[in-house]
């Protein structure tokens, strides 16, 4: 079998690229080892697929080259994808912070992309395992479980290592290295953080408690909900900051994001209330009790002196922990790092050292924030690649 373009990976970026190339008259085959189509789309956003973000811009992405994503995002925009969604009659809504979700089901997005591919004449080969990829004089040759396939252009859209239980593998990175491309260090991103049991002991029994806070790691700051788990911290604010956290460093949480904790405490300094009960006016009660007891201050507020209240106020604005690690790829939403952007054209996603070979989506060293940004990168990188192949 010979086609113009083979796309390896039938996920968000892969299907976007395949249908765009097919609509240009290219003969396209899409290969995936999975039996079910686009499982990562299906489970995303609680099953409703947070398919983009109204505020997507280059600043929302991590990469060794933060400017690399600029071209693709400008050439296939959030509005362009929304137009596609609306053309297919898919209902959607904004949840918070520009996050757009399907009204009904993530399956609507999968069906839309599949229909676009079928209308463009794309051939499906799945499940299909790739055993070997070679570069011949004028084409690429793939040895697969369905026989040999040759193509003029080869697009790698295999995703990252996150969520291996639905089939994630390192195939894309292996192919990149095979063709002499650098792959930047890989790590789980958008992932819950864990702590040493002795460090987190006072809060280990508070699993499930959630509240609003600002998280900070280095210069990165996010304000959203944090969630206590039996092993550490999760929730949107923690997932966001996890992509910036470096092992061995602390994260800081501001538990009073709207005003001065010290001033608030001082206005209540003559109160007969236990400190825990006072803190429970602003924080979940069980957490407030644990926080007061951990600081050995759970006594009537009027018995605390001004210095103690000021110190406590500082701690409320900078509750610091040094994570011991993360829950790993099994619980990570994305993979940090990937095919080095210096190896690729930002306009076409083609490898500079290997003409005809392209990398798109999560396999590339471009990682978005939580909230639809990674899907937008998939759509944008897939689209510009589909126009080029």
Protein backbone atom coordinates (compact mmCIF):
# COMPACT_ATOMS: atom_id res chain seq x y z
CA UNK A 1 0.00 0.00 0.00
CA UNK A 2 1.35 3.42 -0.94
CA UNK A 3 -0.19 6.75 0.10
CA UNK A 4 0.89 10.36 0.06
CA UNK A 5 0.71 10.77 3.82
CA UNK A 6 0.70 8.40 6.80
CA UNK A 7 -0.36 9.87 10.12
CA UNK A 8 0.68 7.77 13.12
CA UNK A 9 -1.75 8.41 15.95
CA UNK A 10 -5.52 8.87 15.66
CA UNK A 11 -5.88 11.37 18.48
CA UNK A 12 -6.70 15.06 18.43
CA UNK A 13 -3.66 16.27 16.46
CA UNK A 14 -3.57 13.23 14.19
CA UNK A 15 -7.19 13.43 13.05
CA UNK A 16 -6.94 17.18 12.57
CA UNK A 17 -3.88 16.78 10.36
CA UNK A 18 -5.34 13.83 8.42
CA UNK A 19 -8.59 15.52 7.45
CA UNK A 20 -6.89 18.79 6.46
CA UNK A 21 -4.42 16.91 4.24
CA UNK A 22 -7.21 14.76 2.82
CA UNK A 23 -9.27 17.82 1.93
CA UNK A 24 -6.30 19.05 -0.10
CA UNK A 25 -6.56 15.94 -2.25
CA UNK A 26 -3.81 13.94 -0.58
CA UNK A 27 -4.18 10.20 -0.13
CA UNK A 28 -3.97 9.83 3.64
CA UNK A 29 -3.85 6.79 5.91
CA UNK A 30 -4.10 7.09 9.67
CA UNK A 31 -2.59 4.35 11.86
CA UNK A 32 -3.24 3.69 15.54
CA UNK A 33 -2.50 0.69 17.75
CA UNK A 34 -5.64 1.22 19.85
CA UNK A 35 -8.93 -0.53 19.25
CA UNK A 36 -11.03 2.43 20.43
CA UNK A 37 -10.73 5.75 18.67
CA UNK A 38 -9.41 8.78 20.59
CA UNK A 39 -9.76 7.52 24.16
CA UNK A 40 -7.92 10.54 25.53
CA UNK A 41 -10.51 12.85 23.99
CA UNK A 42 -13.33 10.67 25.30
CA UNK A 43 -12.22 10.80 28.95
CA UNK A 44 -11.16 14.46 28.91
CA UNK A 45 -13.03 17.13 30.81
CA UNK A 46 -14.97 14.61 32.85
CA UNK A 47 -16.32 13.12 29.62
CA UNK A 48 -17.34 16.47 28.14
CA UNK A 49 -14.00 17.46 26.54
CA UNK A 50 -12.60 20.86 27.43
CA UNK A 51 -11.78 21.31 23.74
CA UNK A 52 -10.18 24.78 23.81
CA UNK A 53 -9.76 27.94 25.84
CA UNK A 54 -10.91 31.40 24.78
CA UNK A 55 -7.72 32.93 26.20
CA UNK A 56 -5.19 30.63 24.52
CA UNK A 57 -1.96 32.45 23.70
CA UNK A 58 1.76 31.56 23.65
CA UNK A 59 2.16 32.59 27.30
CA UNK A 60 -0.01 29.62 28.29
CA UNK A 61 2.56 27.09 27.08
CA UNK A 62 5.80 25.64 28.46
CA UNK A 63 8.67 24.81 26.11
CA UNK A 64 12.43 25.19 25.90
CA UNK A 65 11.55 27.57 23.04
CA UNK A 66 8.46 29.46 24.27
CA UNK A 67 8.05 31.25 20.93
CA UNK A 68 7.78 28.08 18.86
CA UNK A 69 4.02 27.67 19.30
CA UNK A 70 3.28 31.26 18.25
CA UNK A 71 3.06 30.61 14.48
CA UNK A 72 0.69 27.63 14.63
CA UNK A 73 -1.60 29.23 17.22
CA UNK A 74 -1.86 32.36 15.05
CA UNK A 75 -2.61 30.44 11.86
CA UNK A 76 -5.29 28.16 13.28
CA UNK A 77 -6.93 29.99 16.12
CA UNK A 78 -9.40 29.23 18.89
CA UNK A 79 -12.08 30.91 16.75
CA UNK A 80 -11.24 28.63 13.83
CA UNK A 81 -11.86 25.54 15.92
CA UNK A 82 -15.05 26.96 17.41
CA UNK A 83 -16.27 27.57 13.86
CA UNK A 84 -15.69 23.89 13.09
CA UNK A 85 -17.57 22.85 16.22
CA UNK A 86 -20.49 25.14 15.36
CA UNK A 87 -20.57 23.92 11.77
CA UNK A 88 -21.20 20.43 13.14
CA UNK A 89 -23.98 21.69 15.38
CA UNK A 90 -22.21 20.74 18.62
CA UNK A 91 -23.52 22.57 21.67
CA UNK A 92 -20.92 23.98 24.04
CA UNK A 93 -20.57 26.30 27.00
CA UNK A 94 -17.91 28.24 28.87
CA UNK A 95 -17.33 26.81 32.32
CA UNK A 96 -14.72 29.04 34.00
CA UNK A 97 -11.63 30.98 32.96
CA UNK A 98 -12.38 30.66 29.23
CA UNK A 99 -12.70 26.86 29.28
CA UNK A 100 -15.09 25.57 26.61
CA UNK A 101 -16.84 22.21 27.11
CA UNK A 102 -19.30 20.18 25.07
CA UNK A 103 -22.87 20.44 26.39
CA UNK A 104 -23.41 16.72 25.90
CA UNK A 105 -20.37 14.48 25.44
CA UNK A 106 -16.75 14.36 24.32
CA UNK A 107 -17.97 11.80 21.80
CA UNK A 108 -19.34 14.75 19.79
CA UNK A 109 -15.78 15.97 19.16
CA UNK A 110 -14.59 12.48 18.24
CA UNK A 111 -17.49 12.02 15.83
CA UNK A 112 -16.82 15.43 14.28
CA UNK A 113 -13.17 14.64 13.59
CA UNK A 114 -13.95 11.13 12.34
CA UNK A 115 -16.61 12.47 9.98
CA UNK A 116 -14.23 15.14 8.70
CA UNK A 117 -11.63 12.45 8.02
CA UNK A 118 -14.12 10.19 6.25
CA UNK A 119 -15.43 13.05 4.13
CA UNK A 120 -11.81 13.71 3.11
CA UNK A 121 -11.30 10.08 2.07
CA UNK A 122 -8.86 9.18 4.86
CA UNK A 123 -8.11 5.45 5.22
CA UNK A 124 -8.22 3.97 8.73
CA UNK A 125 -5.78 1.32 9.90
CA UNK A 126 -6.62 0.44 13.50
CA UNK A 127 -5.78 -1.47 15.49
CA UNK A 128 -2.45 -1.60 13.71
CA UNK A 129 0.95 -2.00 15.33
CA UNK A 130 4.08 -0.46 13.82
CA UNK A 131 7.11 -2.72 14.02
CA UNK A 132 9.63 -0.69 12.05
CA UNK A 133 10.04 2.64 10.27
CA UNK A 134 12.66 3.11 7.55
CA UNK A 135 13.64 5.90 5.21
CA UNK A 136 14.05 4.77 1.64
CA UNK A 137 15.40 6.92 -1.19
CA UNK A 138 12.09 8.56 -2.07
CA UNK A 139 9.71 7.47 0.67
CA UNK A 140 9.19 6.14 4.16
CA UNK A 141 8.50 2.43 4.62
CA UNK A 142 6.52 1.17 7.61
CA UNK A 143 6.41 -2.49 8.60
CA UNK A 144 3.10 -2.99 10.40
CA UNK A 145 0.85 -5.73 11.69
CA UNK A 146 -1.23 -5.12 8.54
CA UNK A 147 1.66 -5.36 6.12
CA UNK A 148 4.03 -2.83 4.57
CA UNK A 149 2.92 0.71 3.93
CA UNK A 150 4.95 3.34 2.10
CA UNK A 151 4.37 7.07 2.04
CA UNK A 152 5.90 10.29 0.82
CA UNK A 153 5.25 12.17 4.07
CA UNK A 154 5.16 10.71 7.58
CA UNK A 155 3.45 12.52 10.46
CA UNK A 156 4.01 11.45 14.06
CA UNK A 157 1.06 12.31 16.31
CA UNK A 158 1.51 9.62 18.93
CA UNK A 159 1.04 11.79 22.03
CA UNK A 160 3.10 11.48 25.19
CA UNK A 161 3.55 9.04 28.05
CA UNK A 162 0.63 10.24 30.16
CA UNK A 163 -2.22 7.84 31.02
CA UNK A 164 -0.52 4.60 29.89
CA UNK A 165 -3.61 2.65 30.93
CA UNK A 166 -5.36 3.85 27.76
CA UNK A 167 -2.42 2.99 25.53
CA UNK A 168 0.18 5.77 25.74
CA UNK A 169 3.64 4.70 24.57
CA UNK A 170 7.00 6.28 23.79
CA UNK A 171 6.89 5.36 20.09
CA UNK A 172 6.99 8.96 18.87
CA UNK A 173 10.12 9.73 20.87
CA UNK A 174 11.77 6.55 19.61
CA UNK A 175 11.11 7.53 16.00
CA UNK A 176 12.47 11.02 16.63
CA UNK A 177 15.69 9.63 18.09
CA UNK A 178 15.97 7.12 15.24
CA UNK A 179 16.14 10.01 12.80
CA UNK A 180 18.69 11.91 14.88
CA UNK A 181 16.33 14.39 16.51
CA UNK A 182 16.89 15.54 20.06
CA UNK A 183 14.20 14.80 22.64
CA UNK A 184 14.16 17.08 25.67
CA UNK A 185 13.81 15.52 29.15
CA UNK A 186 10.36 14.04 29.77
CA UNK A 187 8.30 14.32 32.95
CA UNK A 188 4.66 14.06 34.04
CA UNK A 189 2.78 17.36 33.77
CA UNK A 190 -0.54 18.58 35.17
CA UNK A 191 -0.21 15.95 37.88
CA UNK A 192 -1.04 15.66 41.61
CA UNK A 193 1.86 16.20 44.02
CA UNK A 194 2.85 13.82 46.81
CA UNK A 195 4.59 14.45 50.14
CA UNK A 196 6.59 12.47 52.65
CA UNK A 197 4.10 10.89 55.10
CA UNK A 198 5.71 12.59 58.10
CA UNK A 199 5.47 16.03 56.43
CA UNK A 200 1.83 15.66 55.50
CA UNK A 201 0.66 13.66 58.53
CA UNK A 202 -1.51 16.42 60.08
CA UNK A 203 -3.54 16.66 56.86
CA UNK A 204 -3.52 13.04 55.64
CA UNK A 205 -6.99 12.33 57.05
CA UNK A 206 -8.55 15.32 55.29
CA UNK A 207 -8.77 13.70 51.85
CA UNK A 208 -11.52 15.26 49.77
CA UNK A 209 -11.44 18.74 51.32
CA UNK A 210 -11.17 21.50 48.73
CA UNK A 211 -10.83 25.29 48.85
CA UNK A 212 -9.70 28.27 46.80
CA UNK A 213 -6.04 29.29 47.01
CA UNK A 214 -3.10 30.69 45.10
CA UNK A 215 -0.29 28.25 44.40
CA UNK A 216 3.22 29.34 43.50
CA UNK A 217 6.36 27.59 42.29
CA UNK A 218 9.14 29.95 41.31
CA UNK A 219 7.51 32.76 39.34
CA UNK A 220 4.50 30.67 38.29
CA UNK A 221 1.29 31.55 40.18
CA UNK A 222 -2.19 30.11 39.75
CA UNK A 223 -5.44 30.74 41.58
CA UNK A 224 -7.99 27.94 41.51
CA UNK A 225 -9.19 25.16 43.80
CA UNK A 226 -6.79 22.90 45.65
CA UNK A 227 -7.81 19.44 46.82
CA UNK A 228 -6.33 17.51 49.73
CA UNK A 229 -5.67 13.82 49.08
CA UNK A 230 -4.41 11.07 51.37
CA UNK A 231 -0.94 11.39 49.78
CA UNK A 232 -0.70 15.10 49.11
CA UNK A 233 -2.36 17.80 47.04
CA UNK A 234 -4.34 17.90 43.82
CA UNK A 235 -7.00 20.12 42.26
CA UNK A 236 -6.66 22.56 39.35
CA UNK A 237 -4.28 24.99 41.09
CA UNK A 238 -1.91 22.16 42.05
CA UNK A 239 -2.05 20.53 38.61
CA UNK A 240 -1.17 23.88 37.05
CA UNK A 241 1.80 24.57 39.30
CA UNK A 242 3.05 20.96 39.03
CA UNK A 243 4.27 21.65 35.49
CA UNK A 244 6.61 24.32 36.87
CA UNK A 245 7.68 22.56 40.06
CA UNK A 246 11.25 21.22 40.18
CA UNK A 247 12.11 18.27 42.47
CA UNK A 248 13.71 19.43 45.70
CA UNK A 249 11.99 22.81 45.72
CA UNK A 250 9.03 24.09 47.73
CA UNK A 251 5.59 25.13 46.59
CA UNK A 252 3.80 27.94 48.39
CA UNK A 253 0.07 28.28 48.95
CA UNK A 254 -1.70 31.53 49.78
CA UNK A 255 -4.78 30.48 51.75
CA UNK A 256 -6.06 34.09 51.96
CA UNK A 257 -5.95 35.14 48.30
CA UNK A 258 -8.30 38.13 48.61
CA UNK A 259 -7.07 40.15 51.59
CA UNK A 260 -4.56 40.39 54.43
CA UNK A 261 -4.74 37.46 56.82
CA UNK A 262 -2.79 39.43 59.43
CA UNK A 263 -5.18 42.37 59.38
CA UNK A 264 -8.15 40.03 59.58
CA UNK A 265 -6.66 38.17 62.55
CA UNK A 266 -5.81 41.39 64.37
CA UNK A 267 -9.38 42.64 64.07
CA UNK A 268 -10.42 39.52 66.02
CA UNK A 269 -7.60 39.56 68.58
CA UNK A 270 -9.98 40.05 71.53
CA UNK A 271 -12.22 37.17 70.47
CA UNK A 272 -13.07 34.36 72.89
CA UNK A 273 -13.26 31.91 69.98
CA UNK A 274 -10.73 29.14 69.54
CA UNK A 275 -8.39 29.97 66.69
CA UNK A 276 -9.65 26.95 64.75
CA UNK A 277 -13.21 28.22 64.94
CA UNK A 278 -12.15 31.65 63.77
CA UNK A 279 -10.19 30.21 60.83
CA UNK A 280 -13.24 28.08 59.98
CA UNK A 281 -15.00 31.29 58.95
CA UNK A 282 -12.63 31.41 55.97
CA UNK A 283 -11.42 27.83 55.53
CA UNK A 284 -13.03 24.37 55.76
CA UNK A 285 -13.52 23.55 59.44
CA UNK A 286 -11.51 20.31 59.61
CA UNK A 287 -8.65 21.91 57.73
CA UNK A 288 -8.78 24.99 59.97
CA UNK A 289 -8.53 22.77 63.05
CA UNK A 290 -5.56 20.84 61.64
CA UNK A 291 -3.82 24.06 60.62
CA UNK A 292 -4.25 25.64 64.07
CA UNK A 293 -3.12 22.49 65.87
CA UNK A 294 -0.10 22.05 63.59
CA UNK A 295 1.02 25.56 64.55
CA UNK A 296 0.28 24.76 68.23
CA UNK A 297 -2.05 27.73 68.46
CA UNK A 298 -5.48 26.19 68.94
CA UNK A 299 -6.50 28.28 71.91
CA UNK A 300 -8.76 31.32 72.41
CA UNK A 301 -7.63 34.05 70.03
CA UNK A 302 -7.43 36.62 72.84
CA UNK A 303 -4.65 34.55 74.44
CA UNK A 304 -2.43 35.00 71.37
CA UNK A 305 -0.16 38.01 71.25
CA UNK A 306 0.28 40.33 68.30
CA UNK A 307 3.54 38.69 67.20
CA UNK A 308 1.92 35.25 67.14
CA UNK A 309 -1.00 36.54 65.08
CA UNK A 310 1.31 38.28 62.59
CA UNK A 311 3.44 35.14 62.21
CA UNK A 312 0.29 33.08 61.67
CA UNK A 313 -0.88 35.59 59.07
CA UNK A 314 2.40 35.13 57.20
CA UNK A 315 1.97 31.36 57.29
CA UNK A 316 -1.57 31.63 55.92
CA UNK A 317 -0.20 33.59 52.96
CA UNK A 318 2.71 31.21 52.43
CA UNK A 319 1.83 27.69 53.52
CA UNK A 320 4.93 25.91 52.20
CA UNK A 321 5.60 22.29 51.38
CA UNK A 322 8.41 20.47 49.66
CA UNK A 323 6.76 17.74 47.55
CA UNK A 324 8.47 14.36 47.51
CA UNK A 325 7.27 13.74 43.95
CA UNK A 326 4.19 13.30 41.80
CA UNK A 327 1.67 10.55 41.10
CA UNK A 328 3.48 9.97 37.80
CA UNK A 329 2.31 9.41 34.25
CA UNK A 330 -0.62 7.27 35.37
CA UNK A 331 -2.33 10.35 36.82
CA UNK A 332 -0.69 13.03 34.65
CA UNK A 333 -2.80 14.77 32.04
CA UNK A 334 0.16 15.59 29.79
CA UNK A 335 3.85 14.92 29.24
CA UNK A 336 6.35 17.74 29.75
CA UNK A 337 9.18 17.87 27.22
CA UNK A 338 9.31 16.05 23.91
CA UNK A 339 10.75 16.42 20.44
CA UNK A 340 13.01 19.46 20.60
CA UNK A 341 11.35 22.41 18.87
CA UNK A 342 14.74 23.51 17.54
CA UNK A 343 14.57 20.42 15.35
CA UNK A 344 11.28 21.45 13.71
CA UNK A 345 9.89 24.17 11.48
CA UNK A 346 7.36 26.21 13.44
CA UNK A 347 5.42 26.89 10.24
CA UNK A 348 5.06 23.29 8.99
CA UNK A 349 6.15 21.04 11.93
CA UNK A 350 8.60 19.31 9.56
CA UNK A 351 11.88 17.96 10.92
CA UNK A 352 14.80 19.99 9.60
CA UNK A 353 17.15 16.99 9.56
CA UNK A 354 14.62 14.61 8.00
CA UNK A 355 12.59 16.15 5.18
CA UNK A 356 9.14 14.59 4.91
CA UNK A 357 8.98 13.71 8.62
CA UNK A 358 6.66 15.76 10.87
CA UNK A 359 5.81 15.85 14.59
CA UNK A 360 2.63 17.37 16.02
CA UNK A 361 0.68 17.58 19.26
CA UNK A 362 1.83 16.35 22.65
CA UNK A 363 4.89 14.49 21.32
CA UNK A 364 6.48 17.91 20.70
CA UNK A 365 8.09 19.93 23.50
CA UNK A 366 5.07 22.23 23.85
CA UNK A 367 2.89 21.76 26.94
CA UNK A 368 -0.16 23.85 27.70
CA UNK A 369 -1.79 24.84 30.96
CA UNK A 370 -4.82 23.01 32.28
CA UNK A 371 -8.07 24.19 30.75
CA UNK A 372 -8.21 23.35 27.02
CA UNK A 373 -4.82 24.75 26.03
CA UNK A 374 -3.31 21.38 25.10
CA UNK A 375 -6.22 20.56 22.82
CA UNK A 376 -5.77 23.92 21.10
CA UNK A 377 -2.12 23.09 20.50
CA UNK A 378 -3.21 19.76 19.00
CA UNK A 379 -5.68 21.48 16.66
CA UNK A 380 -3.25 24.23 15.65
CA UNK A 381 -0.16 22.07 15.12
CA UNK A 382 -2.23 19.43 13.32
CA UNK A 383 -3.84 21.95 11.04
CA UNK A 384 -0.65 23.71 9.92
CA UNK A 385 0.97 20.32 9.34
CA UNK A 386 -2.04 19.11 7.32
CA UNK A 387 -1.71 22.20 5.10
CA UNK A 388 1.96 21.49 4.52
CA UNK A 389 2.33 17.75 3.91
